[in-house]
Amino acid sequence: MANHTMFPYKLYLVISAEACKGRNYLQVAEQAIAGGVEIIQLREKTLDTETFTERALRLKEITERYNVPLIINDNVAVANAVDAFGIHVGNSDMPPTEIRTKWGNQLQIGYSIEYLSQLDTAETATADHLGISPIFSTATKTDTVTEWGLEGLQKIRSLTDKPLIAIGNVNKSNAAAIIQAGADCIAVVSAICAADNPEKAAYELRRCLL
């Protein structure tokens, strides 16, 4: 099983141009990094691969400058094109076993856990880290039926040693409790992307995780 120390990041930003409410996603990303974001996932579900790749390359210039790993959501072609640190996939995406078979250890693989039964699968065993989604119900993820809550997170923590990234309506009011319940890292979207001051929002979240 993976060791928790293999994922040394506490504050994980999931960003898209749409989530930034009309602001430049590159500026938001740079401000978030200044505030304490340690790893960034670019999530662009509606873009074609070429446009997604262009956006990812522009973001990679910023993440490389600050030595922040870049994760690509659900598009292995983009992840490989930009030499990303990793890929994040869910139930309806390319399975971790297939990614590992085709690309070996080239990409860190994150995998969303939406049902407890997923824990006992080859996909979970193959993934490097797990996204626990959603911890609390959220407008960002409307296609899932489960809300894990803190008790669900504790249950998952008791069943796996994989690094756990909690996502879903995570903010500074519940971040510390989520870490205490067993998450290794919190992932946020609107708490930073939609904040008036992304740098300040990231800084305040990061302080909750000390």
C-alpha atoms as a PDB file:
ATOM      1  CA  MET A   1       0.000   0.000   0.000  1.00  0.00           C
ATOM      2  CA  ALA A   2       1.127   3.550  -0.662  1.00  0.00           C
ATOM      3  CA  ASN A   3       2.651   5.474   2.176  1.00  0.00           C
ATOM      4  CA  HIS A   4       1.012   8.748   3.198  1.00  0.00           C
ATOM      5  CA  THR A   5       4.363  10.493   2.869  1.00  0.00           C
ATOM      6  CA  MET A   6       4.224   9.823  -0.889  1.00  0.00           C
ATOM      7  CA  PHE A   7       1.678  12.669  -1.106  1.00  0.00           C
ATOM      8  CA  PRO A   8       3.179  15.510   0.929  1.00  0.00           C
ATOM      9  CA  TYR A   9       0.676  18.165  -0.169  1.00  0.00           C
ATOM     10  CA  LYS A  10      -1.993  19.662   2.072  1.00  0.00           C
ATOM     11  CA  LEU A  11      -3.771  22.228  -0.116  1.00  0.00           C
ATOM     12  CA  TYR A  12      -4.902  21.156  -3.587  1.00  0.00           C
ATOM     13  CA  LEU A  13      -6.600  23.532  -6.017  1.00  0.00           C
ATOM     14  CA  VAL A  14      -8.953  22.261  -8.737  1.00  0.00           C
ATOM     15  CA  ILE A  15      -9.192  25.052 -11.288  1.00  0.00           C
ATOM     16  CA  SER A  16     -11.024  25.757 -14.535  1.00  0.00           C
ATOM     17  CA  ALA A  17     -11.561  28.925 -16.499  1.00  0.00           C
ATOM     18  CA  GLU A  18     -15.294  28.749 -15.729  1.00  0.00           C
ATOM     19  CA  ALA A  19     -14.740  28.406 -11.972  1.00  0.00           C
ATOM     20  CA  CYS A  20     -12.776  31.671 -11.951  1.00  0.00           C
ATOM     21  CA  LYS A  21     -15.928  33.685 -12.699  1.00  0.00           C
ATOM     22  CA  GLY A  22     -14.548  35.596 -15.653  1.00  0.00           C
ATOM     23  CA  ARG A  23     -11.111  36.250 -14.199  1.00  0.00           C
ATOM     24  CA  ASN A  24      -7.941  34.961 -15.825  1.00  0.00           C
ATOM     25  CA  TYR A  25      -7.392  31.424 -14.544  1.00  0.00           C
ATOM     26  CA  LEU A  26      -3.625  31.857 -14.796  1.00  0.00           C
ATOM     27  CA  GLN A  27      -3.690  34.886 -12.514  1.00  0.00           C
ATOM     28  CA  VAL A  28      -5.953  33.071 -10.059  1.00  0.00           C
ATOM     29  CA  ALA A  29      -3.589  30.091 -10.064  1.00  0.00           C
ATOM     30  CA  GLU A  30      -0.550  32.258  -9.431  1.00  0.00           C
ATOM     31  CA  GLN A  31      -2.285  34.114  -6.615  1.00  0.00           C
ATOM     32  CA  ALA A  32      -3.396  30.801  -5.092  1.00  0.00           C
ATOM     33  CA  ILE A  33       0.168  29.478  -5.164  1.00  0.00           C
ATOM     34  CA  ALA A  34       1.363  32.678  -3.467  1.00  0.00           C
ATOM     35  CA  GLY A  35      -1.211  32.009  -0.752  1.00  0.00           C
ATOM     36  CA  GLY A  36      -0.111  28.434  -0.121  1.00  0.00           C
ATOM     37  CA  VAL A  37      -1.618  26.087  -2.726  1.00  0.00           C
ATOM     38  CA  GLU A  38       0.835  23.221  -3.200  1.00  0.00           C
ATOM     39  CA  ILE A  39      -0.646  21.218  -6.092  1.00  0.00           C
ATOM     40  CA  ILE A  40      -3.059  22.169  -8.899  1.00  0.00           C
ATOM     41  CA  GLN A  41      -5.462  20.166 -11.044  1.00  0.00           C
ATOM     42  CA  LEU A  42      -6.749  21.621 -14.298  1.00  0.00           C
ATOM     43  CA  ARG A  43     -10.306  20.423 -14.868  1.00  0.00           C
ATOM     44  CA  GLU A  44     -11.836  21.335 -18.223  1.00  0.00           C
ATOM     45  CA  LYS A  45     -14.591  18.819 -18.942  1.00  0.00           C
ATOM     46  CA  THR A  46     -16.043  20.540 -22.002  1.00  0.00           C
ATOM     47  CA  LEU A  47     -12.925  21.466 -23.988  1.00  0.00           C
ATOM     48  CA  ASP A  48     -11.536  19.596 -26.955  1.00  0.00           C
ATOM     49  CA  THR A  49      -8.086  18.097 -26.442  1.00  0.00           C
ATOM     50  CA  GLU A  50      -6.264  20.771 -28.440  1.00  0.00           C
ATOM     51  CA  THR A  51      -7.760  23.681 -26.486  1.00  0.00           C
ATOM     52  CA  PHE A  52      -7.340  21.829 -23.194  1.00  0.00           C
ATOM     53  CA  THR A  53      -3.680  21.225 -24.037  1.00  0.00           C
ATOM     54  CA  GLU A  54      -3.118  24.911 -24.828  1.00  0.00           C
ATOM     55  CA  ARG A  55      -4.583  25.940 -21.478  1.00  0.00           C
ATOM     56  CA  ALA A  56      -2.597  23.275 -19.675  1.00  0.00           C
ATOM     57  CA  LEU A  57       0.672  24.398 -21.268  1.00  0.00           C
ATOM     58  CA  ARG A  58       0.069  27.975 -20.152  1.00  0.00           C
ATOM     59  CA  LEU A  59      -0.710  26.795 -16.624  1.00  0.00           C
ATOM     60  CA  LYS A  60       2.351  24.505 -16.636  1.00  0.00           C
ATOM     61  CA  GLU A  61       4.591  27.550 -17.187  1.00  0.00           C
ATOM     62  CA  ILE A  62       3.325  28.933 -13.879  1.00  0.00           C
ATOM     63  CA  THR A  63       3.350  25.683 -11.903  1.00  0.00           C
ATOM     64  CA  GLU A  64       6.900  24.904 -13.050  1.00  0.00           C
ATOM     65  CA  ARG A  65       8.082  28.375 -12.057  1.00  0.00           C
ATOM     66  CA  TYR A  66       6.921  27.707  -8.494  1.00  0.00           C
ATOM     67  CA  ASN A  67       7.725  23.978  -8.457  1.00  0.00           C
ATOM     68  CA  VAL A  68       4.044  23.062  -8.004  1.00  0.00           C
ATOM     69  CA  PRO A  69       2.898  19.713  -9.460  1.00  0.00           C
ATOM     70  CA  LEU A  70       0.250  19.884 -12.192  1.00  0.00           C
ATOM     71  CA  ILE A  71      -2.523  17.290 -12.368  1.00  0.00           C
ATOM     72  CA  ILE A  72      -4.756  16.963 -15.430  1.00  0.00           C
ATOM     73  CA  ASN A  73      -8.356  15.874 -15.009  1.00  0.00           C
ATOM     74  CA  ASP A  74      -9.542  12.948 -17.108  1.00  0.00           C
ATOM     75  CA  ASN A  75      -7.481  13.460 -20.272  1.00  0.00           C
ATOM     76  CA  VAL A  76      -4.370  11.306 -20.593  1.00  0.00           C
ATOM     77  CA  ALA A  77      -3.509  12.822 -23.972  1.00  0.00           C
ATOM     78  CA  VAL A  78      -3.302  16.280 -22.394  1.00  0.00           C
ATOM     79  CA  ALA A  79      -1.398  14.973 -19.370  1.00  0.00           C
ATOM     80  CA  ASN A  80       1.214  13.390 -21.624  1.00  0.00           C
ATOM     81  CA  ALA A  81       1.374  16.372 -23.993  1.00  0.00           C
ATOM     82  CA  VAL A  82       2.292  18.748 -21.179  1.00  0.00           C
ATOM     83  CA  ASP A  83       4.387  16.249 -19.190  1.00  0.00           C
ATOM     84  CA  ALA A  84       2.077  16.626 -16.195  1.00  0.00           C
ATOM     85  CA  PHE A  85       2.862  15.234 -12.759  1.00  0.00           C
ATOM     86  CA  GLY A  86      -0.337  13.237 -12.747  1.00  0.00           C
ATOM     87  CA  ILE A  87      -3.850  12.482 -13.924  1.00  0.00           C
ATOM     88  CA  HIS A  88      -7.102  12.353 -11.968  1.00  0.00           C
ATOM     89  CA  VAL A  89      -9.912  10.059 -13.092  1.00  0.00           C
ATOM     90  CA  GLY A  90     -13.344   9.019 -11.890  1.00  0.00           C
ATOM     91  CA  ASN A  91     -15.724   6.132 -12.507  1.00  0.00           C
ATOM     92  CA  SER A  92     -16.651   7.187 -16.040  1.00  0.00           C
ATOM     93  CA  ASP A  93     -13.077   7.929 -17.170  1.00  0.00           C
ATOM     94  CA  MET A  94     -10.181   5.748 -18.329  1.00  0.00           C
ATOM     95  CA  PRO A  95      -9.534   3.233 -15.501  1.00  0.00           C
ATOM     96  CA  PRO A  96      -6.297   3.487 -13.474  1.00  0.00           C
ATOM     97  CA  THR A  97      -5.350  -0.073 -14.482  1.00  0.00           C
ATOM     98  CA  GLU A  98      -5.484   0.879 -18.160  1.00  0.00           C
ATOM     99  CA  ILE A  99      -3.476   4.057 -17.580  1.00  0.00           C
ATOM    100  CA  ARG A 100      -0.816   2.124 -15.667  1.00  0.00           C
ATOM    101  CA  THR A 101      -0.663  -0.611 -18.307  1.00  0.00           C
ATOM    102  CA  LYS A 102      -0.175   1.890 -21.127  1.00  0.00           C
ATOM    103  CA  TRP A 103       2.036   4.474 -19.444  1.00  0.00           C
ATOM    104  CA  GLY A 104       3.640   2.715 -16.482  1.00  0.00           C
ATOM    105  CA  ASN A 105       4.704   5.028 -13.670  1.00  0.00           C
ATOM    106  CA  GLN A 106       4.938   8.064 -15.933  1.00  0.00           C
ATOM    107  CA  LEU A 107       1.891   9.649 -14.276  1.00  0.00           C
ATOM    108  CA  GLN A 108       0.758   9.775 -10.669  1.00  0.00           C
ATOM    109  CA  ILE A 109      -2.816   8.506 -10.725  1.00  0.00           C
ATOM    110  CA  GLY A 110      -5.590   9.962  -8.610  1.00  0.00           C
ATOM    111  CA  TYR A 111      -8.911   8.116  -8.507  1.00  0.00           C
ATOM    112  CA  SER A 112     -12.258   9.344  -7.171  1.00  0.00           C
ATOM    113  CA  ILE A 113     -13.976   7.174  -4.576  1.00  0.00           C
ATOM    114  CA  GLU A 114     -17.726   7.689  -4.655  1.00  0.00           C
ATOM    115  CA  TYR A 115     -18.846   4.317  -3.286  1.00  0.00           C
ATOM    116  CA  LEU A 116     -17.358   2.174  -0.525  1.00  0.00           C
ATOM    117  CA  SER A 117     -17.332  -0.870  -2.801  1.00  0.00           C
ATOM    118  CA  GLN A 118     -14.676   0.837  -4.925  1.00  0.00           C
ATOM    119  CA  LEU A 119     -12.084   0.361  -2.202  1.00  0.00           C
ATOM    120  CA  ASP A 120     -11.814  -3.351  -2.890  1.00  0.00           C
ATOM    121  CA  THR A 121     -11.000  -3.074  -6.598  1.00  0.00           C
ATOM    122  CA  ALA A 122      -7.970  -3.278  -8.844  1.00  0.00           C
ATOM    123  CA  GLU A 123      -8.562   0.365  -9.816  1.00  0.00           C
ATOM    124  CA  THR A 124      -8.130   1.590  -6.247  1.00  0.00           C
ATOM    125  CA  ALA A 125      -5.156  -0.708  -5.701  1.00  0.00           C
ATOM    126  CA  THR A 126      -3.510   0.757  -8.805  1.00  0.00           C
ATOM    127  CA  ALA A 127      -4.127   4.429  -7.967  1.00  0.00           C
ATOM    128  CA  ASP A 128      -1.454   6.410  -6.138  1.00  0.00           C
ATOM    129  CA  HIS A 129      -3.919   8.545  -4.215  1.00  0.00           C
ATOM    130  CA  LEU A 130      -7.686   8.688  -3.768  1.00  0.00           C
ATOM    131  CA  GLY A 131     -10.080  11.583  -4.126  1.00  0.00           C
ATOM    132  CA  ILE A 132     -12.913  11.249  -1.613  1.00  0.00           C
ATOM    133  CA  SER A 133     -15.829  12.876  -3.389  1.00  0.00           C
ATOM    134  CA  PRO A 134     -17.922  14.604  -2.291  1.00  0.00           C
ATOM    135  CA  ILE A 135     -17.223  15.048   1.409  1.00  0.00           C
ATOM    136  CA  PHE A 136     -20.170  17.437   1.535  1.00  0.00           C
ATOM    137  CA  SER A 137     -22.695  17.976  -1.249  1.00  0.00           C
ATOM    138  CA  THR A 138     -21.714  20.662  -3.714  1.00  0.00           C
ATOM    139  CA  ALA A 139     -22.962  22.389  -6.844  1.00  0.00           C
ATOM    140  CA  THR A 140     -19.701  21.460  -8.596  1.00  0.00           C
ATOM    141  CA  LYS A 141     -20.417  17.722  -8.424  1.00  0.00           C
ATOM    142  CA  THR A 142     -24.062  17.049  -9.218  1.00  0.00           C
ATOM    143  CA  ASP A 143     -23.632  13.573 -10.702  1.00  0.00           C
ATOM    144  CA  THR A 144     -22.933  11.692  -7.466  1.00  0.00           C
ATOM    145  CA  VAL A 145     -25.415  10.427  -4.920  1.00  0.00           C
ATOM    146  CA  THR A 146     -23.129   9.972  -1.940  1.00  0.00           C
ATOM    147  CA  GLU A 147     -22.153  12.571   0.609  1.00  0.00           C
ATOM    148  CA  TRP A 148     -19.385  11.017   2.666  1.00  0.00           C
ATOM    149  CA  GLY A 149     -19.345  13.416   5.583  1.00  0.00           C
ATOM    150  CA  LEU A 150     -16.708  13.134   8.292  1.00  0.00           C
ATOM    151  CA  GLU A 151     -17.895   9.679   9.389  1.00  0.00           C
ATOM    152  CA  GLY A 152     -17.603   8.316   5.863  1.00  0.00           C
ATOM    153  CA  LEU A 153     -14.118   9.763   5.570  1.00  0.00           C
ATOM    154  CA  GLN A 154     -13.117   8.122   8.854  1.00  0.00           C
ATOM    155  CA  LYS A 155     -14.468   4.805   7.569  1.00  0.00           C
ATOM    156  CA  ILE A 156     -12.404   5.043   4.376  1.00  0.00           C
ATOM    157  CA  ARG A 157      -9.336   6.013   6.386  1.00  0.00           C
ATOM    158  CA  SER A 158      -9.731   2.844   8.459  1.00  0.00           C
ATOM    159  CA  LEU A 159      -9.816   0.695   5.308  1.00  0.00           C
ATOM    160  CA  THR A 160      -6.889   2.038   3.276  1.00  0.00           C
ATOM    161  CA  ASP A 161      -3.396   3.448   3.645  1.00  0.00           C
ATOM    162  CA  LYS A 162      -3.619   5.330   0.354  1.00  0.00           C
ATOM    163  CA  PRO A 163      -3.268   9.125   0.577  1.00  0.00           C
ATOM    164  CA  LEU A 164      -6.760  10.663   0.746  1.00  0.00           C
ATOM    165  CA  ILE A 165      -7.720  13.975  -0.858  1.00  0.00           C
ATOM    166  CA  ALA A 166     -11.045  15.325   0.372  1.00  0.00           C
ATOM    167  CA  ILE A 167     -13.144  17.358  -2.062  1.00  0.00           C
ATOM    168  CA  GLY A 168     -16.683  18.683  -2.042  1.00  0.00           C
ATOM    169  CA  ASN A 169     -17.773  21.907  -0.338  1.00  0.00           C
ATOM    170  CA  VAL A 170     -14.502  22.139   1.583  1.00  0.00           C
ATOM    171  CA  ASN A 171     -13.796  25.545   3.090  1.00  0.00           C
ATOM    172  CA  LYS A 172     -12.005  27.135   6.032  1.00  0.00           C
ATOM    173  CA  SER A 173     -14.886  26.344   8.410  1.00  0.00           C
ATOM    174  CA  ASN A 174     -14.482  22.570   7.968  1.00  0.00           C
ATOM    175  CA  ALA A 175     -10.919  22.083   6.655  1.00  0.00           C
ATOM    176  CA  ALA A 176      -9.320  21.282  10.010  1.00  0.00           C
ATOM    177  CA  ALA A 177     -12.050  18.783  10.910  1.00  0.00           C
ATOM    178  CA  ILE A 178     -11.603  17.038   7.553  1.00  0.00           C
ATOM    179  CA  ILE A 179      -7.882  16.583   8.167  1.00  0.00           C
ATOM    180  CA  GLN A 180      -8.594  15.338  11.698  1.00  0.00           C
ATOM    181  CA  ALA A 181     -11.061  12.803  10.263  1.00  0.00           C
ATOM    182  CA  GLY A 182      -8.283  11.254   8.189  1.00  0.00           C
ATOM    183  CA  ALA A 183      -7.728  13.211   4.982  1.00  0.00           C
ATOM    184  CA  ASP A 184      -4.130  13.877   4.000  1.00  0.00           C
ATOM    185  CA  CYS A 185      -5.075  16.849   1.855  1.00  0.00           C
ATOM    186  CA  ILE A 186      -8.044  19.083   1.077  1.00  0.00           C
ATOM    187  CA  ALA A 187      -9.037  19.994  -2.483  1.00  0.00           C
ATOM    188  CA  VAL A 188     -11.035  23.133  -3.184  1.00  0.00           C
ATOM    189  CA  VAL A 189     -12.613  24.792  -6.188  1.00  0.00           C
ATOM    190  CA  SER A 190     -14.871  27.749  -5.391  1.00  0.00           C
ATOM    191  CA  ALA A 191     -13.300  28.471  -1.984  1.00  0.00           C
ATOM    192  CA  ILE A 192     -10.331  29.867  -3.910  1.00  0.00           C
ATOM    193  CA  CYS A 193     -11.434  30.278  -7.544  1.00  0.00           C
ATOM    194  CA  ALA A 194     -14.518  32.318  -6.646  1.00  0.00           C
ATOM    195  CA  ALA A 195     -12.926  34.208  -3.745  1.00  0.00           C
ATOM    196  CA  ASP A 196     -12.539  37.980  -3.988  1.00  0.00           C
ATOM    197  CA  ASN A 197      -8.870  37.526  -3.091  1.00  0.00           C
ATOM    198  CA  PRO A 198      -7.573  34.067  -4.113  1.00  0.00           C
ATOM    199  CA  GLU A 199      -4.219  34.585  -2.403  1.00  0.00           C
ATOM    200  CA  LYS A 200      -5.840  35.492   0.916  1.00  0.00           C
ATOM    201  CA  ALA A 201      -8.353  32.645   0.599  1.00  0.00           C
ATOM    202  CA  ALA A 202      -5.539  30.142  -0.008  1.00  0.00           C
ATOM    203  CA  TYR A 203      -3.518  31.547   2.883  1.00  0.00           C
ATOM    204  CA  GLU A 204      -6.448  31.262   5.298  1.00  0.00           C
ATOM    205  CA  LEU A 205      -7.165  27.682   4.178  1.00  0.00           C
ATOM    206  CA  ARG A 206      -3.517  26.700   4.503  1.00  0.00           C
ATOM    207  CA  ARG A 207      -3.416  28.063   8.052  1.00  0.00           C
ATOM    208  CA  CYS A 208      -6.288  25.744   8.965  1.00  0.00           C
ATOM    209  CA  LEU A 209      -4.146  22.754   7.989  1.00  0.00           C
ATOM    210  CA  LEU A 210      -1.105  23.433  10.189  1.00  0.00           C
END
